[in-house]
PDB file of N, CA and C in Angstrom:
ATOM      1  N   MET A   1      -2.216  70.650  -7.552  1.00  0.00           N
ATOM      2  CA  MET A   1      -3.539  70.098  -7.369  1.00  0.00           C
ATOM      3  C   MET A   1      -3.486  68.612  -7.683  1.00  0.00           C
ATOM      4  N   ASN A   2      -4.001  67.823  -6.805  1.00  0.00           N
ATOM      5  CA  ASN A   2      -4.030  66.384  -6.981  1.00  0.00           C
ATOM      6  C   ASN A   2      -5.066  66.012  -8.032  1.00  0.00           C
ATOM      7  N   GLY A   3      -4.772  64.994  -8.830  1.00  0.00           N
ATOM      8  CA  GLY A   3      -5.686  64.571  -9.881  1.00  0.00           C
ATOM      9  C   GLY A   3      -7.029  64.113  -9.345  1.00  0.00           C
ATOM     10  N   TRP A   4      -7.012  63.410  -8.206  1.00  0.00           N
ATOM     11  CA  TRP A   4      -8.264  62.921  -7.649  1.00  0.00           C
ATOM     12  C   TRP A   4      -9.114  64.062  -7.092  1.00  0.00           C
ATOM     13  N   ILE A   5      -8.465  65.099  -6.585  1.00  0.00           N
ATOM     14  CA  ILE A   5      -9.214  66.267  -6.111  1.00  0.00           C
ATOM     15  C   ILE A   5      -9.892  66.952  -7.290  1.00  0.00           C
ATOM     16  N   LEU A   6      -9.181  67.063  -8.417  1.00  0.00           N
ATOM     17  CA  LEU A   6      -9.767  67.673  -9.605  1.00  0.00           C
ATOM     18  C   LEU A   6     -10.946  66.849 -10.119  1.00  0.00           C
ATOM     19  N   ILE A   7     -10.811  65.536 -10.158  1.00  0.00           N
ATOM     20  CA  ILE A   7     -11.894  64.679 -10.622  1.00  0.00           C
ATOM     21  C   ILE A   7     -13.090  64.777  -9.672  1.00  0.00           C
ATOM     22  N   GLY A   8     -12.843  64.773  -8.377  1.00  0.00           N
ATOM     23  CA  GLY A   8     -13.935  64.914  -7.402  1.00  0.00           C
ATOM     24  C   GLY A   8     -14.620  66.260  -7.494  1.00  0.00           C
ATOM     25  N   THR A   9     -13.837  67.315  -7.678  1.00  0.00           N
ATOM     26  CA  THR A   9     -14.408  68.656  -7.831  1.00  0.00           C
ATOM     27  C   THR A   9     -15.235  68.746  -9.102  1.00  0.00           C
ATOM     28  N   ALA A  10     -14.730  68.180 -10.196  1.00  0.00           N
ATOM     29  CA  ALA A  10     -15.477  68.192 -11.452  1.00  0.00           C
ATOM     30  C   ALA A  10     -16.768  67.402 -11.327  1.00  0.00           C
ATOM     31  N   ALA A  11     -16.724  66.273 -10.639  1.00  0.00           N
ATOM     32  CA  ALA A  11     -17.935  65.470 -10.450  1.00  0.00           C
ATOM     33  C   ALA A  11     -18.959  66.218  -9.610  1.00  0.00           C
ATOM     34  N   ALA A  12     -18.503  66.858  -8.532  1.00  0.00           N
ATOM     35  CA  ALA A  12     -19.424  67.619  -7.685  1.00  0.00           C
ATOM     36  C   ALA A  12     -20.020  68.799  -8.447  1.00  0.00           C
ATOM     37  N   ALA A  13     -19.184  69.496  -9.211  1.00  0.00           N
ATOM     38  CA  ALA A  13     -19.685  70.631  -9.993  1.00  0.00           C
ATOM     39  C   ALA A  13     -20.680  70.168 -11.045  1.00  0.00           C
ATOM     40  N   SER A  14     -20.396  69.057 -11.696  1.00  0.00           N
ATOM     41  CA  SER A  14     -21.310  68.517 -12.696  1.00  0.00           C
ATOM     42  C   SER A  14     -22.636  68.118 -12.054  1.00  0.00           C
ATOM     43  N   TYR A  15     -22.572  67.478 -10.898  1.00  0.00           N
ATOM     44  CA  TYR A  15     -23.788  67.078 -10.202  1.00  0.00           C
ATOM     45  C   TYR A  15     -24.605  68.298  -9.790  1.00  0.00           C
ATOM     46  N   LEU A  16     -23.935  69.309  -9.255  1.00  0.00           N
ATOM     47  CA  LEU A  16     -24.654  70.519  -8.830  1.00  0.00           C
ATOM     48  C   LEU A  16     -25.259  71.250 -10.011  1.00  0.00           C
ATOM     49  N   MET A  17     -24.510  71.363 -11.117  1.00  0.00           N
ATOM     50  CA  MET A  17     -25.043  72.078 -12.271  1.00  0.00           C
ATOM     51  C   MET A  17     -26.216  71.338 -12.906  1.00  0.00           C
ATOM     52  N   ARG A  18     -26.295  70.057 -12.700  1.00  0.00           N
ATOM     53  CA  ARG A  18     -27.416  69.294 -13.258  1.00  0.00           C
ATOM     54  C   ARG A  18     -28.602  69.219 -12.304  1.00  0.00           C
ATOM     55  N   SER A  19     -28.354  69.191 -11.000  1.00  0.00           N
ATOM     56  CA  SER A  19     -29.455  69.020 -10.064  1.00  0.00           C
ATOM     57  C   SER A  19     -30.090  70.330  -9.611  1.00  0.00           C
ATOM     58  N   VAL A  20     -29.303  71.375  -9.446  1.00  0.00           N
ATOM     59  CA  VAL A  20     -29.857  72.648  -8.975  1.00  0.00           C
ATOM     60  C   VAL A  20     -30.896  73.211  -9.945  1.00  0.00           C
ATOM     61  N   PRO A  21     -30.646  73.234 -11.259  1.00  0.00           N
ATOM     62  CA  PRO A  21     -31.710  73.724 -12.150  1.00  0.00           C
ATOM     63  C   PRO A  21     -32.982  72.881 -12.088  1.00  0.00           C
ATOM     64  N   LEU A  22     -32.840  71.580 -11.860  1.00  0.00           N
ATOM     65  CA  LEU A  22     -34.034  70.750 -11.731  1.00  0.00           C
ATOM     66  C   LEU A  22     -34.848  71.129 -10.509  1.00  0.00           C
ATOM     67  N   LEU A  23     -34.158  71.460  -9.429  1.00  0.00           N
ATOM     68  CA  LEU A  23     -34.864  71.859  -8.218  1.00  0.00           C
ATOM     69  C   LEU A  23     -35.469  73.257  -8.342  1.00  0.00           C
ATOM     70  N   ILE A  24     -34.721  74.163  -8.954  1.00  0.00           N
ATOM     71  CA  ILE A  24     -35.188  75.551  -9.061  1.00  0.00           C
ATOM     72  C   ILE A  24     -36.256  75.702 -10.134  1.00  0.00           C
ATOM     73  N   PHE A  25     -36.005  75.125 -11.302  1.00  0.00           N
ATOM     74  CA  PHE A  25     -36.908  75.325 -12.435  1.00  0.00           C
ATOM     75  C   PHE A  25     -37.871  74.143 -12.625  1.00  0.00           C
ATOM     76  N   ARG A  26     -38.203  73.478 -11.549  1.00  0.00           N
ATOM     77  CA  ARG A  26     -39.066  72.314 -11.631  1.00  0.00           C
ATOM     78  C   ARG A  26     -40.430  72.650 -12.238  1.00  0.00           C
ATOM     79  N   HIS A  27     -40.918  73.831 -11.947  1.00  0.00           N
ATOM     80  CA  HIS A  27     -42.246  74.210 -12.408  1.00  0.00           C
ATOM     81  C   HIS A  27     -42.209  75.070 -13.664  1.00  0.00           C
ATOM     82  N   LEU A  28     -41.025  75.368 -14.166  1.00  0.00           N
ATOM     83  CA  LEU A  28     -40.896  76.176 -15.370  1.00  0.00           C
ATOM     84  C   LEU A  28     -40.474  75.283 -16.536  1.00  0.00           C
ATOM     85  N   ALA A  29     -41.013  75.557 -17.669  1.00  0.00           N
ATOM     86  CA  ALA A  29     -40.614  74.815 -18.868  1.00  0.00           C
ATOM     87  C   ALA A  29     -39.533  75.605 -19.602  1.00  0.00           C
ATOM     88  N   LEU A  30     -38.394  74.967 -19.841  1.00  0.00           N
ATOM     89  CA  LEU A  30     -37.301  75.608 -20.565  1.00  0.00           C
ATOM     90  C   LEU A  30     -37.299  75.112 -22.009  1.00  0.00           C
ATOM     91  N   ALA A  31     -37.125  76.030 -22.911  1.00  0.00           N
ATOM     92  CA  ALA A  31     -37.039  75.653 -24.321  1.00  0.00           C
ATOM     93  C   ALA A  31     -35.729  74.911 -24.564  1.00  0.00           C
ATOM     94  N   PRO A  32     -35.730  73.928 -25.467  1.00  0.00           N
ATOM     95  CA  PRO A  32     -34.498  73.168 -25.726  1.00  0.00           C
ATOM     96  C   PRO A  32     -33.347  74.018 -26.250  1.00  0.00           C
ATOM     97  N   ASP A  33     -33.642  75.148 -26.853  1.00  0.00           N
ATOM     98  CA  ASP A  33     -32.568  76.002 -27.372  1.00  0.00           C
ATOM     99  C   ASP A  33     -32.301  77.207 -26.483  1.00  0.00           C
ATOM    100  N   SER A  34     -32.745  77.163 -25.229  1.00  0.00           N
ATOM    101  CA  SER A  34     -32.514  78.283 -24.318  1.00  0.00           C
ATOM    102  C   SER A  34     -31.049  78.315 -23.886  1.00  0.00           C
ATOM    103  N   PRO A  35     -30.557  79.470 -23.475  1.00  0.00           N
ATOM    104  CA  PRO A  35     -29.150  79.572 -23.043  1.00  0.00           C
ATOM    105  C   PRO A  35     -28.813  78.673 -21.851  1.00  0.00           C
ATOM    106  N   VAL A  36     -29.752  78.483 -20.950  1.00  0.00           N
ATOM    107  CA  VAL A  36     -29.494  77.640 -19.784  1.00  0.00           C
ATOM    108  C   VAL A  36     -29.283  76.188 -20.216  1.00  0.00           C
ATOM    109  N   VAL A  37     -30.125  75.702 -21.099  1.00  0.00           N
ATOM    110  CA  VAL A  37     -30.004  74.323 -21.573  1.00  0.00           C
ATOM    111  C   VAL A  37     -28.712  74.139 -22.362  1.00  0.00           C
ATOM    112  N   ARG A  38     -28.372  75.121 -23.210  1.00  0.00           N
ATOM    113  CA  ARG A  38     -27.120  75.025 -23.970  1.00  0.00           C
ATOM    114  C   ARG A  38     -25.908  75.035 -23.049  1.00  0.00           C
ATOM    115  N   PHE A  39     -25.952  75.855 -21.994  1.00  0.00           N
ATOM    116  CA  PHE A  39     -24.856  75.900 -21.030  1.00  0.00           C
ATOM    117  C   PHE A  39     -24.677  74.548 -20.352  1.00  0.00           C
ATOM    118  N   LEU A  40     -25.768  73.926 -19.955  1.00  0.00           N
ATOM    119  CA  LEU A  40     -25.671  72.634 -19.279  1.00  0.00           C
ATOM    120  C   LEU A  40     -25.141  71.545 -20.203  1.00  0.00           C
ATOM    121  N   HIS A  41     -25.468  71.625 -21.492  1.00  0.00           N
ATOM    122  CA  HIS A  41     -24.922  70.653 -22.441  1.00  0.00           C
ATOM    123  C   HIS A  41     -23.407  70.817 -22.573  1.00  0.00           C
ATOM    124  N   HIS A  42     -22.942  72.058 -22.626  1.00  0.00           N
ATOM    125  CA  HIS A  42     -21.509  72.303 -22.784  1.00  0.00           C
ATOM    126  C   HIS A  42     -20.742  72.074 -21.487  1.00  0.00           C
ATOM    127  N   ALA A  43     -21.408  72.206 -20.351  1.00  0.00           N
ATOM    128  CA  ALA A  43     -20.730  71.998 -19.071  1.00  0.00           C
ATOM    129  C   ALA A  43     -20.264  70.548 -18.939  1.00  0.00           C
ATOM    130  N   ALA A  44     -21.072  69.605 -19.382  1.00  0.00           N
ATOM    131  CA  ALA A  44     -20.675  68.198 -19.311  1.00  0.00           C
ATOM    132  C   ALA A  44     -19.449  67.945 -20.186  1.00  0.00           C
ATOM    133  N   SER A  45     -19.415  68.563 -21.363  1.00  0.00           N
ATOM    134  CA  SER A  45     -18.257  68.406 -22.247  1.00  0.00           C
ATOM    135  C   SER A  45     -17.015  69.043 -21.640  1.00  0.00           C
ATOM    136  N   ALA A  46     -17.184  70.163 -20.962  1.00  0.00           N
ATOM    137  CA  ALA A  46     -16.038  70.818 -20.331  1.00  0.00           C
ATOM    138  C   ALA A  46     -15.468  69.967 -19.202  1.00  0.00           C
ATOM    139  N   VAL A  47     -16.335  69.334 -18.442  1.00  0.00           N
ATOM    140  CA  VAL A  47     -15.868  68.457 -17.362  1.00  0.00           C
ATOM    141  C   VAL A  47     -15.100  67.281 -17.950  1.00  0.00           C
ATOM    142  N   MET A  48     -15.635  66.677 -19.005  1.00  0.00           N
ATOM    143  CA  MET A  48     -14.947  65.543 -19.636  1.00  0.00           C
ATOM    144  C   MET A  48     -13.615  65.994 -20.240  1.00  0.00           C
ATOM    145  N   GLY A  49     -13.589  67.193 -20.820  1.00  0.00           N
ATOM    146  CA  GLY A  49     -12.341  67.725 -21.370  1.00  0.00           C
ATOM    147  C   GLY A  49     -11.280  67.919 -20.305  1.00  0.00           C
ATOM    148  N   SER A  50     -11.687  68.391 -19.142  1.00  0.00           N
ATOM    149  CA  SER A  50     -10.702  68.580 -18.073  1.00  0.00           C
ATOM    150  C   SER A  50     -10.169  67.242 -17.577  1.00  0.00           C
ATOM    151  N   VAL A  51     -11.009  66.212 -17.567  1.00  0.00           N
ATOM    152  CA  VAL A  51     -10.539  64.886 -17.166  1.00  0.00           C
ATOM    153  C   VAL A  51      -9.548  64.339 -18.199  1.00  0.00           C
ATOM    154  N   ILE A  52      -9.852  64.528 -19.495  1.00  0.00           N
ATOM    155  CA  ILE A  52      -8.942  64.080 -20.559  1.00  0.00           C
ATOM    156  C   ILE A  52      -7.614  64.837 -20.467  1.00  0.00           C
ATOM    157  N   TYR A  53      -7.675  66.145 -20.280  1.00  0.00           N
ATOM    158  CA  TYR A  53      -6.464  66.969 -20.178  1.00  0.00           C
ATOM    159  C   TYR A  53      -5.606  66.515 -19.004  1.00  0.00           C
ATOM    160  N   LEU A  54      -6.238  66.296 -17.863  1.00  0.00           N
ATOM    161  CA  LEU A  54      -5.487  65.864 -16.689  1.00  0.00           C
ATOM    162  C   LEU A  54      -4.881  64.489 -16.901  1.00  0.00           C
ATOM    163  N   GLY A  55      -5.618  63.605 -17.562  1.00  0.00           N
ATOM    164  CA  GLY A  55      -5.087  62.269 -17.824  1.00  0.00           C
ATOM    165  C   GLY A  55      -3.878  62.289 -18.740  1.00  0.00           C
ATOM    166  N   LEU A  56      -3.869  63.202 -19.705  1.00  0.00           N
ATOM    167  CA  LEU A  56      -2.751  63.261 -20.648  1.00  0.00           C
ATOM    168  C   LEU A  56      -1.550  64.019 -20.103  1.00  0.00           C
ATOM    169  N   PHE A  57      -1.784  65.148 -19.472  1.00  0.00           N
ATOM    170  CA  PHE A  57      -0.684  66.012 -19.067  1.00  0.00           C
ATOM    171  C   PHE A  57      -0.345  65.922 -17.587  1.00  0.00           C
ATOM    172  N   GLY A  58      -1.239  65.445 -16.767  1.00  0.00           N
ATOM    173  CA  GLY A  58      -0.983  65.368 -15.330  1.00  0.00           C
ATOM    174  C   GLY A  58      -1.113  66.727 -14.680  1.00  0.00           C
ATOM    175  N   ASP A  59      -0.969  66.751 -13.374  1.00  0.00           N
ATOM    176  CA  ASP A  59      -1.156  68.015 -12.661  1.00  0.00           C
ATOM    177  C   ASP A  59       0.079  68.909 -12.701  1.00  0.00           C
ATOM    178  N   SER A  60       1.182  68.435 -13.262  1.00  0.00           N
ATOM    179  CA  SER A  60       2.375  69.285 -13.350  1.00  0.00           C
ATOM    180  C   SER A  60       2.162  70.437 -14.323  1.00  0.00           C
ATOM    181  N   SER A  61       1.253  70.258 -15.284  1.00  0.00           N
ATOM    182  CA  SER A  61       1.010  71.341 -16.243  1.00  0.00           C
ATOM    183  C   SER A  61       0.308  72.522 -15.605  1.00  0.00           C
ATOM    184  N   PHE A  62      -0.302  72.326 -14.424  1.00  0.00           N
ATOM    185  CA  PHE A  62      -0.933  73.443 -13.730  1.00  0.00           C
ATOM    186  C   PHE A  62       0.105  74.313 -13.024  1.00  0.00           C
ATOM    187  N   GLN A  63       1.200  73.703 -12.573  1.00  0.00           N
ATOM    188  CA  GLN A  63       2.229  74.481 -11.885  1.00  0.00           C
ATOM    189  C   GLN A  63       3.110  75.247 -12.868  1.00  0.00           C
ATOM    190  N   ALA A  64       3.400  74.672 -14.014  1.00  0.00           N
ATOM    191  CA  ALA A  64       4.289  75.316 -14.989  1.00  0.00           C
ATOM    192  C   ALA A  64       3.707  75.158 -16.389  1.00  0.00           C
ATOM    193  N   PRO A  65       2.654  75.904 -16.724  1.00  0.00           N
ATOM    194  CA  PRO A  65       2.016  75.715 -18.035  1.00  0.00           C
ATOM    195  C   PRO A  65       2.902  76.140 -19.200  1.00  0.00           C
ATOM    196  N   TRP A  66       3.914  76.965 -18.978  1.00  0.00           N
ATOM    197  CA  TRP A  66       4.786  77.411 -20.065  1.00  0.00           C
ATOM    198  C   TRP A  66       5.702  76.293 -20.550  1.00  0.00           C
ATOM    199  N   THR A  67       5.860  75.235 -19.759  1.00  0.00           N
ATOM    200  CA  THR A  67       6.691  74.104 -20.175  1.00  0.00           C
ATOM    201  C   THR A  67       5.869  73.003 -20.842  1.00  0.00           C
ATOM    202  N   LEU A  68       4.617  73.278 -21.092  1.00  0.00           N
ATOM    203  CA  LEU A  68       3.706  72.270 -21.626  1.00  0.00           C
ATOM    204  C   LEU A  68       4.162  71.737 -22.976  1.00  0.00           C
ATOM    205  N   LEU A  69       4.555  72.611 -23.886  1.00  0.00           N
ATOM    206  CA  LEU A  69       4.932  72.180 -25.228  1.00  0.00           C
ATOM    207  C   LEU A  69       6.339  71.620 -25.313  1.00  0.00           C
ATOM    208  N   GLN A  70       7.112  71.712 -24.240  1.00  0.00           N
ATOM    209  CA  GLN A  70       8.474  71.189 -24.255  1.00  0.00           C
ATOM    210  C   GLN A  70       8.524  69.702 -23.915  1.00  0.00           C
ATOM    211  N   ALA A  71       7.440  69.168 -23.402  1.00  0.00           N
ATOM    212  CA  ALA A  71       7.417  67.755 -23.030  1.00  0.00           C
ATOM    213  C   ALA A  71       7.363  66.887 -24.285  1.00  0.00           C
ATOM    214  N   PRO A  72       7.951  65.691 -24.231  1.00  0.00           N
ATOM    215  CA  PRO A  72       7.883  64.807 -25.402  1.00  0.00           C
ATOM    216  C   PRO A  72       6.442  64.349 -25.655  1.00  0.00           C
ATOM    217  N   GLY A  73       6.039  64.396 -26.908  1.00  0.00           N
ATOM    218  CA  GLY A  73       4.685  63.990 -27.278  1.00  0.00           C
ATOM    219  C   GLY A  73       3.618  65.011 -26.975  1.00  0.00           C
ATOM    220  N   ALA A  74       4.014  66.249 -26.677  1.00  0.00           N
ATOM    221  CA  ALA A  74       3.040  67.267 -26.291  1.00  0.00           C
ATOM    222  C   ALA A  74       2.099  67.626 -27.443  1.00  0.00           C
ATOM    223  N   LEU A  75       2.618  67.687 -28.657  1.00  0.00           N
ATOM    224  CA  LEU A  75       1.748  68.025 -29.790  1.00  0.00           C
ATOM    225  C   LEU A  75       0.721  66.925 -30.044  1.00  0.00           C
ATOM    226  N   LEU A  76       1.112  65.680 -29.852  1.00  0.00           N
ATOM    227  CA  LEU A  76       0.165  64.577 -29.989  1.00  0.00           C
ATOM    228  C   LEU A  76      -0.929  64.692 -28.922  1.00  0.00           C
ATOM    229  N   LYS A  77      -0.523  64.974 -27.705  1.00  0.00           N
ATOM    230  CA  LYS A  77      -1.497  65.112 -26.620  1.00  0.00           C
ATOM    231  C   LYS A  77      -2.436  66.278 -26.870  1.00  0.00           C
ATOM    232  N   LEU A  78      -1.896  67.411 -27.316  1.00  0.00           N
ATOM    233  CA  LEU A  78      -2.755  68.562 -27.614  1.00  0.00           C
ATOM    234  C   LEU A  78      -3.717  68.263 -28.762  1.00  0.00           C
ATOM    235  N   SER A  79      -3.263  67.503 -29.757  1.00  0.00           N
ATOM    236  CA  SER A  79      -4.159  67.150 -30.862  1.00  0.00           C
ATOM    237  C   SER A  79      -5.288  66.254 -30.373  1.00  0.00           C
ATOM    238  N   VAL A  80      -5.005  65.371 -29.422  1.00  0.00           N
ATOM    239  CA  VAL A  80      -6.057  64.521 -28.855  1.00  0.00           C
ATOM    240  C   VAL A  80      -7.066  65.379 -28.092  1.00  0.00           C
ATOM    241  N   VAL A  81      -6.582  66.342 -27.316  1.00  0.00           N
ATOM    242  CA  VAL A  81      -7.488  67.228 -26.573  1.00  0.00           C
ATOM    243  C   VAL A  81      -8.342  68.045 -27.540  1.00  0.00           C
ATOM    244  N   LEU A  82      -7.742  68.563 -28.609  1.00  0.00           N
ATOM    245  CA  LEU A  82      -8.506  69.340 -29.589  1.00  0.00           C
ATOM    246  C   LEU A  82      -9.517  68.470 -30.328  1.00  0.00           C
ATOM    247  N   LEU A  83      -9.129  67.249 -30.676  1.00  0.00           N
ATOM    248  CA  LEU A  83     -10.066  66.333 -31.323  1.00  0.00           C
ATOM    249  C   LEU A  83     -11.243  66.029 -30.404  1.00  0.00           C
ATOM    250  N   ALA A  84     -10.954  65.733 -29.153  1.00  0.00           N
ATOM    251  CA  ALA A  84     -12.022  65.428 -28.202  1.00  0.00           C
ATOM    252  C   ALA A  84     -12.932  66.646 -27.996  1.00  0.00           C
ATOM    253  N   GLY A  85     -12.342  67.828 -27.930  1.00  0.00           N
ATOM    254  CA  GLY A  85     -13.161  69.033 -27.784  1.00  0.00           C
ATOM    255  C   GLY A  85     -14.040  69.282 -28.997  1.00  0.00           C
ATOM    256  N   GLY A  86     -13.478  69.097 -30.181  1.00  0.00           N
ATOM    257  CA  GLY A  86     -14.268  69.272 -31.402  1.00  0.00           C
ATOM    258  C   GLY A  86     -15.402  68.267 -31.500  1.00  0.00           C
ATOM    259  N   LEU A  87     -15.117  67.012 -31.161  1.00  0.00           N
ATOM    260  CA  LEU A  87     -16.168  65.995 -31.173  1.00  0.00           C
ATOM    261  C   LEU A  87     -17.249  66.292 -30.139  1.00  0.00           C
ATOM    262  N   ALA A  88     -16.850  66.784 -28.977  1.00  0.00           N
ATOM    263  CA  ALA A  88     -17.829  67.092 -27.940  1.00  0.00           C
ATOM    264  C   ALA A  88     -18.752  68.223 -28.373  1.00  0.00           C
ATOM    265  N   LEU A  89     -18.195  69.236 -29.032  1.00  0.00           N
ATOM    266  CA  LEU A  89     -19.029  70.342 -29.501  1.00  0.00           C
ATOM    267  C   LEU A  89     -19.903  69.921 -30.677  1.00  0.00           C
ATOM    268  N   TRP A  90     -19.368  69.085 -31.556  1.00  0.00           N
ATOM    269  CA  TRP A  90     -20.105  68.697 -32.760  1.00  0.00           C
ATOM    270  C   TRP A  90     -21.218  67.706 -32.438  1.00  0.00           C
ATOM    271  N   ARG A  91     -20.895  66.667 -31.682  1.00  0.00           N
ATOM    272  CA  ARG A  91     -21.860  65.599 -31.418  1.00  0.00           C
ATOM    273  C   ARG A  91     -22.657  65.815 -30.133  1.00  0.00           C
ATOM    274  N   ARG A  92     -22.226  66.767 -29.309  1.00  0.00           N
ATOM    275  CA  ARG A  92     -22.856  67.010 -28.001  1.00  0.00           C
ATOM    276  C   ARG A  92     -22.951  65.722 -27.202  1.00  0.00           C
ATOM    277  N   SER A  93     -21.856  65.026 -27.199  1.00  0.00           N
ATOM    278  CA  SER A  93     -21.753  63.761 -26.486  1.00  0.00           C
ATOM    279  C   SER A  93     -20.594  63.858 -25.512  1.00  0.00           C
ATOM    280  N   VAL A  94     -20.654  63.090 -24.459  1.00  0.00           N
ATOM    281  CA  VAL A  94     -19.579  63.098 -23.474  1.00  0.00           C
ATOM    282  C   VAL A  94     -18.652  61.907 -23.663  1.00  0.00           C
ATOM    283  N   PHE A  95     -19.212  60.756 -23.942  1.00  0.00           N
ATOM    284  CA  PHE A  95     -18.398  59.553 -23.981  1.00  0.00           C
ATOM    285  C   PHE A  95     -17.750  59.303 -25.335  1.00  0.00           C
ATOM    286  N   MET A  96     -18.344  59.774 -26.420  1.00  0.00           N
ATOM    287  CA  MET A  96     -17.727  59.591 -27.733  1.00  0.00           C
ATOM    288  C   MET A  96     -16.359  60.272 -27.812  1.00  0.00           C
ATOM    289  N   PRO A  97     -16.202  61.522 -27.340  1.00  0.00           N
ATOM    290  CA  PRO A  97     -14.861  62.131 -27.355  1.00  0.00           C
ATOM    291  C   PRO A  97     -13.860  61.369 -26.498  1.00  0.00           C
ATOM    292  N   LEU A  98     -14.312  60.837 -25.387  1.00  0.00           N
ATOM    293  CA  LEU A  98     -13.413  60.079 -24.522  1.00  0.00           C
ATOM    294  C   LEU A  98     -12.928  58.810 -25.229  1.00  0.00           C
ATOM    295  N   LEU A  99     -13.841  58.106 -25.861  1.00  0.00           N
ATOM    296  CA  LEU A  99     -13.463  56.883 -26.569  1.00  0.00           C
ATOM    297  C   LEU A  99     -12.593  57.183 -27.786  1.00  0.00           C
ATOM    298  N   ALA A 100     -12.971  58.206 -28.559  1.00  0.00           N
ATOM    299  CA  ALA A 100     -12.206  58.551 -29.758  1.00  0.00           C
ATOM    300  C   ALA A 100     -10.817  59.063 -29.390  1.00  0.00           C
ATOM    301  N   GLY A 101     -10.728  59.891 -28.370  1.00  0.00           N
ATOM    302  CA  GLY A 101      -9.427  60.409 -27.941  1.00  0.00           C
ATOM    303  C   GLY A 101      -8.525  59.312 -27.424  1.00  0.00           C
ATOM    304  N   THR A 102      -9.090  58.385 -26.670  1.00  0.00           N
ATOM    305  CA  THR A 102      -8.305  57.267 -26.152  1.00  0.00           C
ATOM    306  C   THR A 102      -7.811  56.379 -27.290  1.00  0.00           C
ATOM    307  N   ALA A 103      -8.692  56.107 -28.251  1.00  0.00           N
ATOM    308  CA  ALA A 103      -8.295  55.259 -29.387  1.00  0.00           C
ATOM    309  C   ALA A 103      -7.212  55.933 -30.227  1.00  0.00           C
ATOM    310  N   LEU A 104      -7.363  57.230 -30.488  1.00  0.00           N
ATOM    311  CA  LEU A 104      -6.362  57.950 -31.273  1.00  0.00           C
ATOM    312  C   LEU A 104      -5.017  57.965 -30.566  1.00  0.00           C
ATOM    313  N   TYR A 105      -5.031  58.259 -29.287  1.00  0.00           N
ATOM    314  CA  TYR A 105      -3.775  58.330 -28.537  1.00  0.00           C
ATOM    315  C   TYR A 105      -3.106  56.964 -28.453  1.00  0.00           C
ATOM    316  N   ALA A 106      -3.891  55.912 -28.215  1.00  0.00           N
ATOM    317  CA  ALA A 106      -3.322  54.566 -28.140  1.00  0.00           C
ATOM    318  C   ALA A 106      -2.761  54.138 -29.491  1.00  0.00           C
ATOM    319  N   ALA A 107      -3.477  54.454 -30.570  1.00  0.00           N
ATOM    320  CA  ALA A 107      -2.989  54.091 -31.911  1.00  0.00           C
ATOM    321  C   ALA A 107      -1.708  54.856 -32.245  1.00  0.00           C
ATOM    322  N   ALA A 108      -1.658  56.132 -31.892  1.00  0.00           N
ATOM    323  CA  ALA A 108      -0.462  56.927 -32.166  1.00  0.00           C
ATOM    324  C   ALA A 108       0.738  56.399 -31.376  1.00  0.00           C
ATOM    325  N   LEU A 109       0.519  56.050 -30.117  1.00  0.00           N
ATOM    326  CA  LEU A 109       1.605  55.481 -29.319  1.00  0.00           C
ATOM    327  C   LEU A 109       2.067  54.141 -29.863  1.00  0.00           C
ATOM    328  N   LEU A 110       1.122  53.342 -30.337  1.00  0.00           N
ATOM    329  CA  LEU A 110       1.473  52.050 -30.919  1.00  0.00           C
ATOM    330  C   LEU A 110       2.294  52.228 -32.198  1.00  0.00           C
ATOM    331  N   LEU A 111       1.895  53.189 -33.041  1.00  0.00           N
ATOM    332  CA  LEU A 111       2.619  53.430 -34.281  1.00  0.00           C
ATOM    333  C   LEU A 111       4.001  54.028 -34.055  1.00  0.00           C
ATOM    334  N   MET A 112       4.111  54.854 -33.009  1.00  0.00           N
ATOM    335  CA  MET A 112       5.396  55.481 -32.714  1.00  0.00           C
ATOM    336  C   MET A 112       6.322  54.533 -31.960  1.00  0.00           C
ATOM    337  N   GLY A 113       5.770  53.452 -31.426  1.00  0.00           N
ATOM    338  CA  GLY A 113       6.611  52.481 -30.724  1.00  0.00           C
ATOM    339  C   GLY A 113       6.937  52.859 -29.297  1.00  0.00           C
ATOM    340  N   ASN A 114       6.102  53.671 -28.668  1.00  0.00           N
ATOM    341  CA  ASN A 114       6.342  54.067 -27.265  1.00  0.00           C
ATOM    342  C   ASN A 114       5.604  53.113 -26.385  1.00  0.00           C
TER     343      ASN A 114
END
């Protein structure tokens, strides 16, 4: 799977998941803690997580996921993905995990001398 196809698919899915409920439930009031609203909040984080994962590991991890941990720096990359996922769930933000994950990964690479 090409990286740009994945990003385009994620963008289209995110747009559809955000616009279709607005069109369907335009006349209904949804409670802020309803399952539909919670799902839509987590969907944005999942899309951002998939973009971060693809940026770190590339599309080769989709063809051979069992070789994921054998790559150099794989544990660092997985820790960045887990940190970004934890921040996304905790803060319910999309861009904070992206910025924090990028900063952590760049700092780790700088310290390791890569």
